[in-house]
């Protein structure tokens, strides 16, 4: 009986670890998407002149937001 209990406990621990990892990954992705959306929103709110002063073209906004949220492209 002890072997069955230990096996179930090990399986439960593995499942718990996988669920915890999946939840952490979802929370991280949610936070990164929020950063992306906020960056796009803030850059789109700037005037073209303000963007020119920063050296940013409107076509670069999504790429910059992606970099802000997920880091530079590899």
Protein backbone atom coordinates (compact mmCIF):
# COMPACT_ATOMS: atom_id res chain seq x y z
CA UNK A 1 0.00 0.00 0.00
CA UNK A 2 2.87 2.37 0.71
CA UNK A 3 4.17 2.11 -2.87
CA UNK A 4 0.78 3.15 -4.28
CA UNK A 5 0.55 6.16 -1.94
CA UNK A 6 4.06 7.33 -2.81
CA UNK A 7 3.37 6.97 -6.53
CA UNK A 8 0.20 9.03 -6.30
CA UNK A 9 1.97 11.69 -4.26
CA UNK A 10 4.77 11.91 -6.83
CA UNK A 11 2.23 12.19 -9.64
CA UNK A 12 0.30 14.87 -7.76
CA UNK A 13 3.52 16.82 -7.17
CA UNK A 14 4.39 16.64 -10.88
CA UNK A 15 0.92 17.78 -11.86
CA UNK A 16 1.02 20.57 -9.30
CA UNK A 17 4.38 21.75 -10.67
CA UNK A 18 3.10 21.73 -14.25
CA UNK A 19 -0.05 23.63 -13.27
CA UNK A 20 1.96 26.19 -11.29
CA UNK A 21 4.33 26.67 -14.22
CA UNK A 22 1.43 27.08 -16.65
CA UNK A 23 -0.26 29.64 -14.39
CA UNK A 24 2.99 31.60 -14.01
CA UNK A 25 3.50 31.56 -17.79
CA UNK A 26 -0.04 32.87 -18.35
CA UNK A 27 0.48 35.65 -15.80
CA UNK A 28 3.77 36.61 -17.42
CA UNK A 29 2.19 36.69 -20.88
CA UNK A 30 -0.71 38.78 -19.57
CA UNK A 31 1.71 41.30 -18.06
CA UNK A 32 3.74 41.46 -21.29
CA UNK A 33 0.58 42.03 -23.37
CA UNK A 34 -0.38 44.87 -21.01
CA UNK A 35 3.04 46.48 -21.52
CA UNK A 36 2.68 46.08 -25.29
CA UNK A 37 -0.81 47.66 -25.34
CA UNK A 38 0.24 50.52 -23.05
CA UNK A 39 3.31 51.29 -25.16
CA UNK A 40 1.28 51.31 -28.39
CA UNK A 41 -1.38 53.49 -26.77
CA UNK A 42 1.15 56.02 -25.45
CA UNK A 43 3.14 56.24 -28.69
CA UNK A 44 -0.02 56.59 -30.78
CA UNK A 45 -1.10 59.47 -28.54
CA UNK A 46 1.98 61.48 -29.53
CA UNK A 47 1.86 63.90 -32.41
CA UNK A 48 3.88 63.24 -35.53
CA UNK A 49 6.15 66.10 -34.56
CA UNK A 50 6.78 64.58 -31.12
CA UNK A 51 7.58 61.24 -32.73
CA UNK A 52 9.94 62.95 -35.19
CA UNK A 53 11.74 64.58 -32.24
CA UNK A 54 12.21 61.12 -30.75
CA UNK A 55 13.37 59.70 -34.08
CA UNK A 56 10.35 57.40 -34.33
CA UNK A 57 8.22 56.85 -37.40
CA UNK A 58 4.60 55.75 -36.90
CA UNK A 59 5.34 52.53 -38.74
CA UNK A 60 7.85 51.65 -36.01
CA UNK A 61 5.38 51.81 -33.11
CA UNK A 62 4.33 48.16 -33.05
CA UNK A 63 7.94 46.95 -33.36
CA UNK A 64 9.01 49.23 -30.51
CA UNK A 65 6.10 48.08 -28.36
CA UNK A 66 6.97 44.45 -29.07
CA UNK A 67 10.57 45.10 -28.06
CA UNK A 68 9.44 46.85 -24.88
CA UNK A 69 7.32 43.87 -23.88
CA UNK A 70 9.34 40.89 -25.09
CA UNK A 71 12.84 42.27 -25.62
CA UNK A 72 14.86 42.66 -28.79
CA UNK A 73 14.27 40.27 -31.68
CA UNK A 74 16.74 37.43 -31.91
